[in-house]
Amino acid sequence: MPVFQVKAIIIENSQMARDIWRMKIYSPEITKAAYPGQFLMLRVRDELLPLLRRPFSFSTINVSEGIFSILYKVVGHGTRLMTKMLAGESVGVLAPLGRGFSKPPDGTKRVWLLAGGIGIAPFFALLEMLKRDSSKLEISLFYGAATGEELVDCRFFENNNCKVNLCTDDGTCGLHGLITDSVERACSLTILPDFFYSCGPTPMQSKVIEWAKCNGIRGQVSMETYMACGMGVCLGCSISKKFFTGNKNEETNYLRVCREGPVFSIGEEN
C-alpha cells in the first residue's frame, strides 16, 4: 500500500466539544488510499519545535471529495498550535499508516463499538464501512468521557441506526461511571455482541480485553500511544504481546503499534 508525504490543504478547523477539535483536510491521494482504523502523522509546523509529527486516526474518509478529517484533543503545545491553523493553510501529512480495522466475521449480527474519550475518532469511518457492507448489522456505540462537555455530537451514529449509550466519569451525561461499567451493565440487560471494536486509553483497553476474554467475544482494539516516527523504525511505540493475549507465561515479544497495529485482534492471533 502506498504511503504519501504531502502538503495538504486545511478545509476546516473547528471546535467540537471542550478541548476537542476537528480538522478537515484536502488530499485526494491520501483519502483514496486510507482505510478506517489507519492513522496519519501530521507535522504541526515547519520549524524545529515541535520537532516530531503527531499521530491521528482518520475520523472520516470522503473519497468522492478527496477530504478526510481528524479529531484531536488539546493536551500540549503541539495540539494548541493546531487550534490556530486556518482554512486554506497547508499542513505536512505522512499517510496512510498502520493496520486498520477489518470486517467482522461472516454471520455476525450484533456489533458493539466501545469508545473512550478521543477514541471515538475512528468510529465515524468504521460505521460507514460497516453500514456499506451490511445494512442488517445491529450496531451499538458505548461512548464515555470524563465529563459531558468533552462528548462530541453523536447524531451521526443515531442517524445511521446505531444505538448510542453515553457515560461520563462525573455523571454529567449518561451513565455515571466508566465505559467498561456501561458495557458490563448492558451485558446484564441484553444479548452479548458477536464482535466488537474498541478504541481508547490503555487502562480502558486492558479492561475491555479482559471482558472480551471472559465472555469469549472476538474483536479488535485500536491502541492509543505516543509515536516518534510512525514507520516502525524507532520502536518507541512497542507494546508487549502479553497485553493482548493475557498469557503471562509466554515468552515476551513486542509488537509495534505503528506497524503491527494500531489495530490488534482479540480472540485470534495477531
Protein backbone atom coordinates (compact mmCIF):
# COMPACT_ATOMS: atom_id res chain seq x y z
CA MET A 1 0.00 0.00 0.00
CA PRO A 2 1.47 3.41 -0.94
CA VAL A 3 2.39 5.96 1.71
CA PHE A 4 2.28 9.62 0.74
CA GLN A 5 4.16 12.57 2.19
CA VAL A 6 2.35 15.68 1.04
CA LYS A 7 1.49 19.27 1.81
CA ALA A 8 -2.27 19.01 2.22
CA ILE A 9 -4.75 21.88 2.44
CA ILE A 10 -6.83 22.54 5.54
CA ILE A 11 -10.51 22.90 4.65
CA GLU A 12 -11.89 23.44 8.15
CA ASN A 13 -10.61 23.55 11.72
CA SER A 14 -13.32 23.92 14.34
CA GLN A 15 -14.04 23.10 17.98
CA MET A 16 -16.47 20.21 18.56
CA ALA A 17 -16.51 19.97 22.38
CA ARG A 18 -14.38 21.12 25.29
CA ASP A 19 -10.75 20.67 24.18
CA ILE A 20 -11.90 18.53 21.22
CA TRP A 21 -11.35 19.86 17.69
CA ARG A 22 -11.99 18.58 14.17
CA MET A 23 -9.73 19.33 11.21
CA LYS A 24 -10.84 18.61 7.65
CA ILE A 25 -8.00 18.19 5.18
CA TYR A 26 -7.99 18.01 1.37
CA SER A 27 -5.68 15.38 -0.11
CA PRO A 28 -7.23 13.17 -2.82
CA GLU A 29 -4.30 10.74 -2.96
CA ILE A 30 -4.29 10.07 0.78
CA THR A 31 -8.08 9.92 1.01
CA LYS A 32 -8.26 7.36 -1.77
CA ALA A 33 -5.64 5.13 -0.11
CA ALA A 34 -6.83 5.45 3.52
CA TYR A 35 -8.82 2.80 5.35
CA PRO A 36 -10.80 3.01 8.64
CA GLY A 37 -8.52 2.39 11.63
CA GLN A 38 -5.36 3.58 9.91
CA PHE A 39 -3.60 6.76 11.02
CA LEU A 40 -1.54 9.67 9.75
CA MET A 41 1.44 11.61 11.05
CA LEU A 42 0.88 15.37 10.97
CA ARG A 43 3.65 17.96 11.12
CA VAL A 44 2.35 20.88 13.14
CA ARG A 45 4.68 23.44 11.55
CA ASP A 46 7.90 23.65 9.53
CA GLU A 47 10.13 24.63 12.44
CA LEU A 48 12.31 22.81 14.97
CA LEU A 49 9.64 22.95 17.66
CA PRO A 50 7.56 20.87 17.82
CA LEU A 51 10.13 18.56 16.22
CA LEU A 52 8.12 15.36 15.86
CA ARG A 53 4.97 14.70 13.88
CA ARG A 54 1.76 13.86 15.77
CA PRO A 55 -0.25 10.67 15.10
CA PHE A 56 -4.01 10.93 14.48
CA SER A 57 -6.64 8.42 13.40
CA PHE A 58 -8.61 9.01 10.23
CA SER A 59 -12.02 10.07 11.53
CA THR A 60 -13.93 10.44 8.26
CA ILE A 61 -12.83 9.47 4.75
CA ASN A 62 -14.70 11.08 1.85
CA VAL A 63 -13.17 9.66 -1.32
CA SER A 64 -15.53 11.48 -3.73
CA GLU A 65 -14.50 14.88 -2.33
CA GLY A 66 -10.88 13.99 -1.59
CA ILE A 67 -11.31 15.09 2.03
CA PHE A 68 -10.50 13.29 5.27
CA SER A 69 -10.86 14.56 8.82
CA ILE A 70 -9.22 14.03 12.18
CA LEU A 71 -10.42 14.63 15.72
CA TYR A 72 -7.83 15.84 18.20
CA LYS A 73 -7.74 16.72 21.86
CA VAL A 74 -5.80 19.75 23.07
CA VAL A 75 -3.31 18.34 25.56
CA GLY A 76 0.00 20.10 24.90
CA HIS A 77 1.98 22.63 22.91
CA GLY A 78 1.59 20.88 19.56
CA THR A 79 -2.18 20.46 19.68
CA ARG A 80 -2.59 24.03 20.99
CA LEU A 81 -0.74 25.22 17.90
CA MET A 82 -3.07 23.15 15.76
CA THR A 83 -6.10 25.07 17.01
CA LYS A 84 -4.59 28.22 15.46
CA MET A 85 -4.41 26.73 11.96
CA LEU A 86 -6.79 28.25 9.44
CA ALA A 87 -8.66 27.05 6.39
CA GLY A 88 -6.53 27.49 3.29
CA GLU A 89 -3.25 26.84 5.06
CA SER A 90 -1.13 23.81 4.20
CA VAL A 91 -0.02 21.11 6.60
CA GLY A 92 2.51 18.31 6.22
CA VAL A 93 0.94 14.84 6.29
CA LEU A 94 2.50 11.38 6.10
CA ALA A 95 -0.17 8.75 5.43
CA PRO A 96 -1.85 6.31 5.38
CA LEU A 97 -0.01 4.30 8.02
CA GLY A 98 -0.60 1.16 10.06
CA ARG A 99 -3.09 -1.65 10.06
CA GLY A 100 -6.75 -0.68 10.02
CA PHE A 101 -9.97 -2.38 11.08
CA SER A 102 -11.14 -5.50 9.28
CA LYS A 103 -14.70 -6.55 8.58
CA PRO A 104 -16.47 -8.69 11.20
CA PRO A 105 -16.65 -12.44 10.54
CA ASP A 106 -19.37 -13.85 8.32
CA GLY A 107 -22.58 -14.48 10.24
CA THR A 108 -22.06 -11.54 12.62
CA LYS A 109 -25.36 -9.95 13.66
CA ARG A 110 -24.50 -7.69 16.62
CA VAL A 111 -21.51 -5.34 16.78
CA TRP A 112 -20.51 -3.08 19.66
CA LEU A 113 -18.30 -0.01 19.30
CA LEU A 114 -16.50 0.94 22.54
CA ALA A 115 -15.08 4.46 22.58
CA GLY A 116 -13.22 6.15 25.40
CA GLY A 117 -12.66 9.89 25.04
CA ILE A 118 -10.93 10.79 21.78
CA GLY A 119 -11.20 7.08 20.93
CA ILE A 120 -14.47 7.99 19.23
CA ALA A 121 -12.45 9.38 16.30
CA PRO A 122 -12.03 6.31 14.03
CA PHE A 123 -15.57 5.05 14.55
CA PHE A 124 -17.15 7.54 12.14
CA ALA A 125 -15.34 5.98 9.18
CA LEU A 126 -15.74 2.49 10.62
CA LEU A 127 -19.52 2.86 10.93
CA GLU A 128 -19.75 3.98 7.31
CA MET A 129 -17.76 0.91 6.26
CA LEU A 130 -19.92 -1.46 8.32
CA LYS A 131 -23.17 0.02 7.01
CA ARG A 132 -21.91 -0.03 3.45
CA ASP A 133 -21.01 -3.71 3.66
CA SER A 134 -24.06 -4.87 5.62
CA SER A 135 -27.18 -2.86 6.37
CA LYS A 136 -28.54 -5.67 8.57
CA LEU A 137 -25.97 -5.38 11.36
CA GLU A 138 -27.26 -4.34 14.79
CA ILE A 139 -24.67 -1.79 15.92
CA SER A 140 -24.42 -0.16 19.35
CA LEU A 141 -22.00 2.57 20.44
CA PHE A 142 -20.75 2.80 24.02
CA TYR A 143 -19.07 6.18 24.38
CA GLY A 144 -17.62 7.74 27.50
CA ALA A 145 -15.57 10.74 28.59
CA ALA A 146 -14.52 12.46 31.79
CA THR A 147 -17.42 14.93 31.63
CA GLY A 148 -20.36 15.74 29.37
CA GLU A 149 -18.62 18.81 27.93
CA GLU A 150 -16.00 16.52 26.36
CA LEU A 151 -18.50 14.38 24.43
CA VAL A 152 -18.77 15.11 20.71
CA ASP A 153 -22.14 15.17 18.95
CA CYS A 154 -23.38 11.62 18.30
CA ARG A 155 -26.18 12.40 15.86
CA PHE A 156 -24.16 10.86 13.02
CA PHE A 157 -24.38 7.49 14.78
CA GLU A 158 -28.05 7.88 15.68
CA ASN A 159 -28.90 8.86 12.10
CA ASN A 160 -27.24 5.66 10.91
CA ASN A 161 -29.38 3.39 13.12
CA CYS A 162 -26.67 2.94 15.72
CA LYS A 163 -27.88 2.78 19.30
CA VAL A 164 -25.89 5.24 21.44
CA ASN A 165 -25.05 4.61 25.10
CA LEU A 166 -23.30 7.51 26.85
CA CYS A 167 -21.43 7.59 30.13
CA THR A 168 -19.23 10.08 31.99
CA ASP A 169 -16.84 9.80 34.89
CA ASP A 170 -18.59 12.63 36.76
CA GLY A 171 -22.17 11.66 35.86
CA THR A 172 -22.96 14.88 33.96
CA CYS A 173 -24.23 12.93 30.95
CA GLY A 174 -25.49 9.39 30.60
CA LEU A 175 -24.47 6.65 32.99
CA HIS A 176 -22.29 7.73 35.92
CA GLY A 177 -19.21 5.58 35.50
CA LEU A 178 -16.53 4.31 33.16
CA ILE A 179 -17.08 2.96 29.65
CA THR A 180 -16.43 -0.54 30.95
CA ASP A 181 -19.18 -0.03 33.57
CA SER A 182 -21.58 0.84 30.77
CA VAL A 183 -20.58 -2.28 28.85
CA GLU A 184 -20.98 -4.56 31.90
CA ARG A 185 -24.40 -3.07 32.61
CA ALA A 186 -25.51 -3.71 29.03
CA CYS A 187 -24.23 -7.29 29.26
CA SER A 188 -26.62 -7.93 32.15
CA LEU A 189 -29.58 -6.49 30.24
CA THR A 190 -29.17 -7.71 26.67
CA ILE A 191 -27.55 -10.28 24.43
CA LEU A 192 -23.77 -10.13 24.10
CA PRO A 193 -22.31 -8.90 20.81
CA ASP A 194 -20.88 -11.25 18.21
CA PHE A 195 -17.98 -8.88 17.58
CA PHE A 196 -16.63 -5.62 19.00
CA TYR A 197 -14.32 -2.74 18.13
CA SER A 198 -12.66 -0.68 20.84
CA CYS A 199 -10.56 2.48 20.89
CA GLY A 200 -9.44 4.41 23.95
CA PRO A 201 -6.71 4.82 26.57
CA THR A 202 -4.59 1.82 27.58
CA PRO A 203 -6.24 1.21 31.00
CA MET A 204 -9.63 1.04 29.31
CA GLN A 205 -8.32 -1.32 26.63
CA SER A 206 -6.87 -3.62 29.27
CA LYS A 207 -10.29 -3.96 30.91
CA VAL A 208 -12.03 -4.40 27.55
CA ILE A 209 -9.66 -7.23 26.60
CA GLU A 210 -10.29 -8.93 29.95
CA TRP A 211 -14.06 -8.56 29.45
CA ALA A 212 -13.83 -9.98 25.93
CA LYS A 213 -11.79 -12.99 27.01
CA CYS A 214 -14.08 -13.75 29.96
CA ASN A 215 -17.09 -13.73 27.65
CA GLY A 216 -15.46 -15.42 24.65
CA ILE A 217 -16.06 -12.46 22.35
CA ARG A 218 -13.85 -11.73 19.38
CA GLY A 219 -12.99 -8.20 18.34
CA GLN A 220 -10.38 -5.59 17.56
CA VAL A 221 -8.76 -2.90 19.70
CA SER A 222 -7.15 0.25 18.33
CA MET A 223 -4.35 1.37 20.63
CA GLU A 224 -3.50 4.96 21.52
CA THR A 225 0.20 5.63 22.11
CA TYR A 226 2.94 8.19 21.57
CA MET A 227 4.84 7.74 18.32
CA ALA A 228 8.05 9.30 17.06
CA CYS A 229 8.35 8.00 13.50
CA GLY A 230 5.12 6.14 12.73
CA MET A 231 7.06 3.84 10.40
CA GLY A 232 8.28 1.09 12.76
CA VAL A 233 11.89 2.27 12.88
CA CYS A 234 12.30 3.86 16.31
CA LEU A 235 10.45 1.12 18.28
CA GLY A 236 9.18 3.78 20.68
CA CYS A 237 5.56 2.62 20.44
CA SER A 238 6.22 -1.07 21.14
CA ILE A 239 3.86 -2.95 23.44
CA SER A 240 4.16 -6.44 24.89
CA LYS A 241 2.21 -9.15 23.10
CA LYS A 242 1.17 -10.37 26.55
CA PHE A 243 -1.05 -7.29 26.81
CA PHE A 244 -3.32 -8.79 24.15
CA THR A 245 -3.02 -12.50 24.92
CA GLY A 246 -3.09 -12.27 28.73
CA ASN A 247 -0.67 -15.22 28.85
CA LYS A 248 1.96 -14.22 31.42
CA ASN A 249 3.91 -17.43 30.94
CA GLU A 250 4.71 -17.00 27.27
CA GLU A 251 7.97 -15.51 26.05
CA THR A 252 7.93 -11.72 25.99
CA ASN A 253 7.57 -10.48 22.42
CA TYR A 254 6.86 -6.92 21.43
CA LEU A 255 4.58 -5.52 18.75
CA ARG A 256 4.98 -2.09 17.17
CA VAL A 257 1.73 -0.17 17.41
CA CYS A 258 2.56 1.80 14.27
CA ARG A 259 3.32 -1.29 12.13
CA GLU A 260 1.62 -4.37 13.56
CA GLY A 261 -1.18 -2.07 14.74
CA PRO A 262 -2.66 0.29 15.70
CA VAL A 263 -5.50 -2.23 15.36
CA PHE A 264 -4.95 -5.62 17.05
CA SER A 265 -7.23 -8.64 17.01
CA ILE A 266 -8.58 -10.18 20.22
CA GLY A 267 -9.58 -13.82 20.24
CA GLU A 268 -7.24 -14.74 17.39
CA GLU A 269 -3.55 -14.47 16.56
CA ASN A 270 -2.23 -11.01 15.59
